[in-house]
C-alpha atoms as a PDB file:
ATOM      1  CA  UNK A   1     -12.672  -7.747   7.945  1.00  0.00           C
ATOM      2  CA  UNK A   2     -11.335 -10.579  10.135  1.00  0.00           C
ATOM      3  CA  UNK A   3      -7.735 -10.566  11.527  1.00  0.00           C
ATOM      4  CA  UNK A   4      -5.398 -12.794   9.524  1.00  0.00           C
ATOM      5  CA  UNK A   5      -2.056 -14.625   9.880  1.00  0.00           C
ATOM      6  CA  UNK A   6       0.677 -13.578   7.406  1.00  0.00           C
ATOM      7  CA  UNK A   7       4.168 -14.640   7.566  1.00  0.00           C
ATOM      8  CA  UNK A   8       4.021 -15.759  11.162  1.00  0.00           C
ATOM      9  CA  UNK A   9       2.818 -12.247  12.116  1.00  0.00           C
ATOM     10  CA  UNK A  10      -0.732 -11.732  13.496  1.00  0.00           C
ATOM     11  CA  UNK A  11      -2.272  -8.981  11.344  1.00  0.00           C
ATOM     12  CA  UNK A  12      -5.316  -6.903  12.743  1.00  0.00           C
ATOM     13  CA  UNK A  13      -7.875  -5.900  10.199  1.00  0.00           C
ATOM     14  CA  UNK A  14      -8.552  -2.117   9.885  1.00  0.00           C
ATOM     15  CA  UNK A  15      -7.766   0.820   7.766  1.00  0.00           C
ATOM     16  CA  UNK A  16      -4.421   2.536   6.917  1.00  0.00           C
ATOM     17  CA  UNK A  17      -3.401   6.010   6.232  1.00  0.00           C
ATOM     18  CA  UNK A  18       0.079   6.662   4.899  1.00  0.00           C
ATOM     19  CA  UNK A  19       1.908  10.264   4.806  1.00  0.00           C
ATOM     20  CA  UNK A  20       5.397  10.763   3.397  1.00  0.00           C
ATOM     21  CA  UNK A  21       7.227  13.791   4.497  1.00  0.00           C
ATOM     22  CA  UNK A  22      10.596  15.239   3.507  1.00  0.00           C
ATOM     23  CA  UNK A  23      12.527  16.651   6.506  1.00  0.00           C
ATOM     24  CA  UNK A  24      14.280  19.977   5.903  1.00  0.00           C
ATOM     25  CA  UNK A  25      18.077  19.688   6.322  1.00  0.00           C
ATOM     26  CA  UNK A  26      19.125  20.355   9.963  1.00  0.00           C
ATOM     27  CA  UNK A  27      15.629  19.649  11.387  1.00  0.00           C
ATOM     28  CA  UNK A  28      16.062  15.991  12.176  1.00  0.00           C
ATOM     29  CA  UNK A  29      15.932  16.496  15.873  1.00  0.00           C
ATOM     30  CA  UNK A  30      12.695  18.397  15.554  1.00  0.00           C
ATOM     31  CA  UNK A  31      11.139  15.525  13.612  1.00  0.00           C
ATOM     32  CA  UNK A  32      12.460  12.990  16.104  1.00  0.00           C
ATOM     33  CA  UNK A  33      10.708  14.871  18.977  1.00  0.00           C
ATOM     34  CA  UNK A  34       7.683  15.357  16.838  1.00  0.00           C
ATOM     35  CA  UNK A  35       7.537  11.601  15.936  1.00  0.00           C
ATOM     36  CA  UNK A  36       7.415  10.663  19.675  1.00  0.00           C
ATOM     37  CA  UNK A  37       4.495  13.236  20.072  1.00  0.00           C
ATOM     38  CA  UNK A  38       2.403  11.719  17.200  1.00  0.00           C
ATOM     39  CA  UNK A  39       3.008   8.267  18.390  1.00  0.00           C
ATOM     40  CA  UNK A  40       1.902   9.171  21.961  1.00  0.00           C
ATOM     41  CA  UNK A  41      -1.186  10.920  20.626  1.00  0.00           C
ATOM     42  CA  UNK A  42      -2.034   7.887  18.263  1.00  0.00           C
ATOM     43  CA  UNK A  43      -1.662   5.548  21.168  1.00  0.00           C
ATOM     44  CA  UNK A  44      -4.612   7.289  23.078  1.00  0.00           C
ATOM     45  CA  UNK A  45      -6.813   7.482  20.021  1.00  0.00           C
ATOM     46  CA  UNK A  46      -9.818   5.357  19.896  1.00  0.00           C
ATOM     47  CA  UNK A  47      -9.382   2.325  17.386  1.00  0.00           C
ATOM     48  CA  UNK A  48      -5.659   2.880  17.086  1.00  0.00           C
ATOM     49  CA  UNK A  49      -3.642  -0.188  15.962  1.00  0.00           C
ATOM     50  CA  UNK A  50      -0.271   1.336  15.675  1.00  0.00           C
ATOM     51  CA  UNK A  51       2.057   3.857  14.037  1.00  0.00           C
ATOM     52  CA  UNK A  52       4.991   2.791  11.916  1.00  0.00           C
ATOM     53  CA  UNK A  53       7.631   5.301  10.870  1.00  0.00           C
ATOM     54  CA  UNK A  54       9.795   4.225   7.966  1.00  0.00           C
ATOM     55  CA  UNK A  55      13.136   5.721   6.905  1.00  0.00           C
ATOM     56  CA  UNK A  56      14.119   4.237   3.596  1.00  0.00           C
ATOM     57  CA  UNK A  57      17.775   3.191   3.260  1.00  0.00           C
ATOM     58  CA  UNK A  58      18.209   4.623  -0.160  1.00  0.00           C
ATOM     59  CA  UNK A  59      16.650   7.133  -2.281  1.00  0.00           C
ATOM     60  CA  UNK A  60      15.814  10.732  -1.147  1.00  0.00           C
ATOM     61  CA  UNK A  61      17.635  11.766   2.118  1.00  0.00           C
ATOM     62  CA  UNK A  62      15.311  12.904   4.800  1.00  0.00           C
ATOM     63  CA  UNK A  63      12.300  11.071   3.283  1.00  0.00           C
ATOM     64  CA  UNK A  64      10.028   9.737   5.847  1.00  0.00           C
ATOM     65  CA  UNK A  65       6.844   7.495   5.718  1.00  0.00           C
ATOM     66  CA  UNK A  66       4.340   7.675   8.582  1.00  0.00           C
ATOM     67  CA  UNK A  67       1.728   4.881   8.552  1.00  0.00           C
ATOM     68  CA  UNK A  68      -1.197   4.960  10.916  1.00  0.00           C
ATOM     69  CA  UNK A  69      -3.316   1.889  11.407  1.00  0.00           C
ATOM     70  CA  UNK A  70      -6.948   2.171  12.780  1.00  0.00           C
ATOM     71  CA  UNK A  71      -9.681  -0.354  13.359  1.00  0.00           C
ATOM     72  CA  UNK A  72     -12.280   1.582  11.201  1.00  0.00           C
ATOM     73  CA  UNK A  73     -12.584   4.587   9.021  1.00  0.00           C
ATOM     74  CA  UNK A  74     -14.689   6.487  11.783  1.00  0.00           C
ATOM     75  CA  UNK A  75     -11.896   5.961  14.254  1.00  0.00           C
ATOM     76  CA  UNK A  76      -9.482   7.181  11.617  1.00  0.00           C
ATOM     77  CA  UNK A  77     -11.758  10.220  10.681  1.00  0.00           C
ATOM     78  CA  UNK A  78     -12.069  11.231  14.377  1.00  0.00           C
ATOM     79  CA  UNK A  79      -8.292  11.064  14.909  1.00  0.00           C
ATOM     80  CA  UNK A  80      -7.435  13.150  11.804  1.00  0.00           C
ATOM     81  CA  UNK A  81      -9.862  15.792  12.486  1.00  0.00           C
ATOM     82  CA  UNK A  82      -9.089  16.246  16.127  1.00  0.00           C
ATOM     83  CA  UNK A  83      -7.623  19.716  17.183  1.00  0.00           C
ATOM     84  CA  UNK A  84      -4.419  17.979  18.653  1.00  0.00           C
ATOM     85  CA  UNK A  85      -3.704  16.221  15.403  1.00  0.00           C
ATOM     86  CA  UNK A  86      -4.325  19.375  13.306  1.00  0.00           C
ATOM     87  CA  UNK A  87      -1.840  21.202  15.639  1.00  0.00           C
ATOM     88  CA  UNK A  88       0.900  18.513  15.334  1.00  0.00           C
ATOM     89  CA  UNK A  89       0.429  18.524  11.520  1.00  0.00           C
ATOM     90  CA  UNK A  90       0.870  22.285  11.426  1.00  0.00           C
ATOM     91  CA  UNK A  91       4.061  21.762  13.634  1.00  0.00           C
ATOM     92  CA  UNK A  92       5.395  19.299  11.195  1.00  0.00           C
ATOM     93  CA  UNK A  93       4.780  21.634   8.281  1.00  0.00           C
ATOM     94  CA  UNK A  94       7.358  24.069   9.922  1.00  0.00           C
ATOM     95  CA  UNK A  95      10.338  21.586   9.466  1.00  0.00           C
ATOM     96  CA  UNK A  96       9.217  19.229   6.740  1.00  0.00           C
ATOM     97  CA  UNK A  97       7.301  19.086   3.553  1.00  0.00           C
ATOM     98  CA  UNK A  98       4.336  16.714   2.877  1.00  0.00           C
ATOM     99  CA  UNK A  99       4.904  14.826  -0.364  1.00  0.00           C
ATOM    100  CA  UNK A 100       2.061  13.943  -2.751  1.00  0.00           C
ATOM    101  CA  UNK A 101       3.108  10.985  -5.009  1.00  0.00           C
ATOM    102  CA  UNK A 102       1.080   9.998  -8.127  1.00  0.00           C
ATOM    103  CA  UNK A 103       0.832   6.330  -8.380  1.00  0.00           C
ATOM    104  CA  UNK A 104       0.605   4.544 -11.799  1.00  0.00           C
ATOM    105  CA  UNK A 105      -2.440   2.511 -10.563  1.00  0.00           C
ATOM    106  CA  UNK A 106      -0.692  -0.938 -10.653  1.00  0.00           C
ATOM    107  CA  UNK A 107       0.771  -0.507  -7.151  1.00  0.00           C
ATOM    108  CA  UNK A 108      -2.559  -1.239  -5.448  1.00  0.00           C
ATOM    109  CA  UNK A 109      -2.404  -4.891  -7.103  1.00  0.00           C
ATOM    110  CA  UNK A 110       0.535  -5.502  -4.844  1.00  0.00           C
ATOM    111  CA  UNK A 111       0.450  -5.727  -0.922  1.00  0.00           C
ATOM    112  CA  UNK A 112       3.332  -5.232   1.450  1.00  0.00           C
ATOM    113  CA  UNK A 113       3.879  -8.370   3.569  1.00  0.00           C
ATOM    114  CA  UNK A 114       3.170  -7.786   7.338  1.00  0.00           C
ATOM    115  CA  UNK A 115       1.986  -4.305   6.599  1.00  0.00           C
ATOM    116  CA  UNK A 116      -1.257  -2.800   5.142  1.00  0.00           C
ATOM    117  CA  UNK A 117       0.495   0.243   3.642  1.00  0.00           C
ATOM    118  CA  UNK A 118       1.076   0.312  -0.077  1.00  0.00           C
ATOM    119  CA  UNK A 119       4.839   0.662  -0.858  1.00  0.00           C
ATOM    120  CA  UNK A 120       5.285  -0.675  -4.353  1.00  0.00           C
ATOM    121  CA  UNK A 121       7.994  -2.945  -5.594  1.00  0.00           C
ATOM    122  CA  UNK A 122      10.142  -1.695  -8.565  1.00  0.00           C
ATOM    123  CA  UNK A 123       8.167  -1.217 -11.654  1.00  0.00           C
ATOM    124  CA  UNK A 124      10.108  -3.694 -13.551  1.00  0.00           C
ATOM    125  CA  UNK A 125       9.251  -6.378 -11.089  1.00  0.00           C
ATOM    126  CA  UNK A 126       5.425  -5.312 -11.292  1.00  0.00           C
ATOM    127  CA  UNK A 127       5.752  -5.503 -15.001  1.00  0.00           C
ATOM    128  CA  UNK A 128       7.088  -9.068 -15.177  1.00  0.00           C
ATOM    129  CA  UNK A 129       4.357 -10.228 -12.699  1.00  0.00           C
ATOM    130  CA  UNK A 130       1.485  -8.470 -14.369  1.00  0.00           C
ATOM    131  CA  UNK A 131       2.760  -9.624 -17.728  1.00  0.00           C
ATOM    132  CA  UNK A 132       2.990 -13.326 -16.768  1.00  0.00           C
ATOM    133  CA  UNK A 133      -0.385 -13.218 -15.095  1.00  0.00           C
ATOM    134  CA  UNK A 134      -2.109 -11.460 -17.847  1.00  0.00           C
ATOM    135  CA  UNK A 135      -0.424 -13.681 -20.652  1.00  0.00           C
ATOM    136  CA  UNK A 136      -1.570 -16.997 -18.805  1.00  0.00           C
ATOM    137  CA  UNK A 137      -5.184 -15.680 -18.204  1.00  0.00           C
ATOM    138  CA  UNK A 138      -5.331 -14.505 -21.877  1.00  0.00           C
ATOM    139  CA  UNK A 139      -4.150 -17.803 -23.123  1.00  0.00           C
ATOM    140  CA  UNK A 140      -6.682 -19.759 -20.937  1.00  0.00           C
ATOM    141  CA  UNK A 141      -9.671 -17.391 -21.758  1.00  0.00           C
ATOM    142  CA  UNK A 142      -9.051 -17.536 -25.452  1.00  0.00           C
ATOM    143  CA  UNK A 143      -8.728 -21.545 -25.456  1.00  0.00           C
ATOM    144  CA  UNK A 144     -11.997 -21.784 -23.399  1.00  0.00           C
ATOM    145  CA  UNK A 145     -14.115 -19.011 -24.847  1.00  0.00           C
ATOM    146  CA  UNK A 146     -13.297 -18.985 -28.448  1.00  0.00           C
ATOM    147  CA  UNK A 147     -15.572 -21.929 -29.436  1.00  0.00           C
ATOM    148  CA  UNK A 148     -18.489 -19.977 -27.836  1.00  0.00           C
ATOM    149  CA  UNK A 149     -17.861 -16.521 -28.973  1.00  0.00           C
ATOM    150  CA  UNK A 150     -15.713 -16.699 -32.182  1.00  0.00           C
ATOM    151  CA  UNK A 151     -18.642 -15.490 -34.259  1.00  0.00           C
ATOM    152  CA  UNK A 152     -19.148 -12.342 -32.202  1.00  0.00           C
ATOM    153  CA  UNK A 153     -18.270  -9.063 -33.457  1.00  0.00           C
ATOM    154  CA  UNK A 154     -14.769  -7.849 -32.597  1.00  0.00           C
ATOM    155  CA  UNK A 155     -15.898  -5.082 -30.164  1.00  0.00           C
ATOM    156  CA  UNK A 156     -18.058  -7.524 -28.213  1.00  0.00           C
ATOM    157  CA  UNK A 157     -15.341 -10.043 -27.843  1.00  0.00           C
ATOM    158  CA  UNK A 158     -12.869  -7.628 -26.756  1.00  0.00           C
ATOM    159  CA  UNK A 159     -15.295  -6.364 -24.004  1.00  0.00           C
ATOM    160  CA  UNK A 160     -15.829  -9.887 -22.794  1.00  0.00           C
ATOM    161  CA  UNK A 161     -12.089 -10.833 -22.831  1.00  0.00           C
ATOM    162  CA  UNK A 162     -10.988  -7.501 -21.310  1.00  0.00           C
ATOM    163  CA  UNK A 163     -13.714  -7.532 -18.414  1.00  0.00           C
ATOM    164  CA  UNK A 164     -12.945 -11.169 -17.437  1.00  0.00           C
ATOM    165  CA  UNK A 165      -9.097 -10.470 -17.695  1.00  0.00           C
ATOM    166  CA  UNK A 166      -9.156  -7.413 -15.413  1.00  0.00           C
ATOM    167  CA  UNK A 167     -11.468  -9.098 -12.865  1.00  0.00           C
ATOM    168  CA  UNK A 168      -9.177 -12.199 -12.703  1.00  0.00           C
ATOM    169  CA  UNK A 169      -6.110 -10.068 -12.246  1.00  0.00           C
ATOM    170  CA  UNK A 170      -7.698  -7.792  -9.710  1.00  0.00           C
ATOM    171  CA  UNK A 171      -9.490 -10.376  -7.608  1.00  0.00           C
ATOM    172  CA  UNK A 172      -7.376 -13.551  -8.086  1.00  0.00           C
ATOM    173  CA  UNK A 173      -4.014 -13.471  -9.729  1.00  0.00           C
ATOM    174  CA  UNK A 174      -2.357 -10.274  -8.279  1.00  0.00           C
ATOM    175  CA  UNK A 175      -3.428 -10.998  -4.599  1.00  0.00           C
ATOM    176  CA  UNK A 176      -2.209 -14.696  -4.972  1.00  0.00           C
ATOM    177  CA  UNK A 177       0.951 -13.756  -6.816  1.00  0.00           C
ATOM    178  CA  UNK A 178       2.105 -10.835  -4.470  1.00  0.00           C
ATOM    179  CA  UNK A 179       1.708 -13.160  -1.479  1.00  0.00           C
ATOM    180  CA  UNK A 180       3.524 -16.122  -3.487  1.00  0.00           C
ATOM    181  CA  UNK A 181       6.430 -13.772  -4.611  1.00  0.00           C
ATOM    182  CA  UNK A 182       6.615 -11.616  -1.611  1.00  0.00           C
ATOM    183  CA  UNK A 183      10.217 -12.419  -0.752  1.00  0.00           C
ATOM    184  CA  UNK A 184      11.294 -11.449  -4.273  1.00  0.00           C
ATOM    185  CA  UNK A 185       8.949  -8.450  -4.652  1.00  0.00           C
ATOM    186  CA  UNK A 186      10.034  -7.164  -1.071  1.00  0.00           C
ATOM    187  CA  UNK A 187      13.312  -8.130  -0.120  1.00  0.00           C
ATOM    188  CA  UNK A 188      13.913  -8.378   3.792  1.00  0.00           C
ATOM    189  CA  UNK A 189      16.244  -5.360   3.784  1.00  0.00           C
ATOM    190  CA  UNK A 190      13.453  -3.102   2.711  1.00  0.00           C
ATOM    191  CA  UNK A 191      10.783  -4.424   4.988  1.00  0.00           C
ATOM    192  CA  UNK A 192       9.576  -1.852   7.763  1.00  0.00           C
ATOM    193  CA  UNK A 193       9.879  -2.395  11.401  1.00  0.00           C
ATOM    194  CA  UNK A 194       7.378  -0.988  13.883  1.00  0.00           C
ATOM    195  CA  UNK A 195       8.604   1.581  16.404  1.00  0.00           C
END
C-alpha cells in the first residue's frame, strides 16, 4: 500500500494495532513511566512507524488508547512476540486493565483522519451517513435495474440488490463519505496528537 497525503499530513502505509487500557486509580505515574518505556522500545523495533497514546477528554476516567503503527504485519508480529514486549505487557497488567470492546461492525466503514486507527464517531452520526448513502444507492439501483430484473423471483432480486448495495457502501460510498464529512464526524477537539 503506497503512502498517501491526507489533510496536509503525509501518512505512511502500514498496519495498525490498537490497545485500550483502564489505569487503576493511583497508578497514573506508573503508567506514565511505562508509556515512556513502550515508546522507546517501539522506536527500536524493525518497521516501526510510531506510537500514539490517546487520553480521551470525556468518558471513562483513566482510559488510555495505545496505537502502534508498523510497516507490515511481519514487523508487528515480531514486535508483539518479543520477550521485551511481553514483559512490558505483564508490567502494564499490574497497574491497568486491558479492555476488550465489541464493535457493532459499522465502525470499520469509517476512518479516522490523520490516523489509521479505528475510533468511531457517535452512532447517531454513523446512522445518518449510512442511511443517506444506502437510500441514495437503493434508489439508483432500483431505477436502473428494475427494467431488467422486474420479472425475477423476489429472492433473486433481493440477493442482487443487497449484494450491489453492500459492495457500493463498503468500497465506494463509505470511504468517500467518511473523508468528505471528516470534520463533522471527527471534530478537531477529539483528534489525537502523536506523542
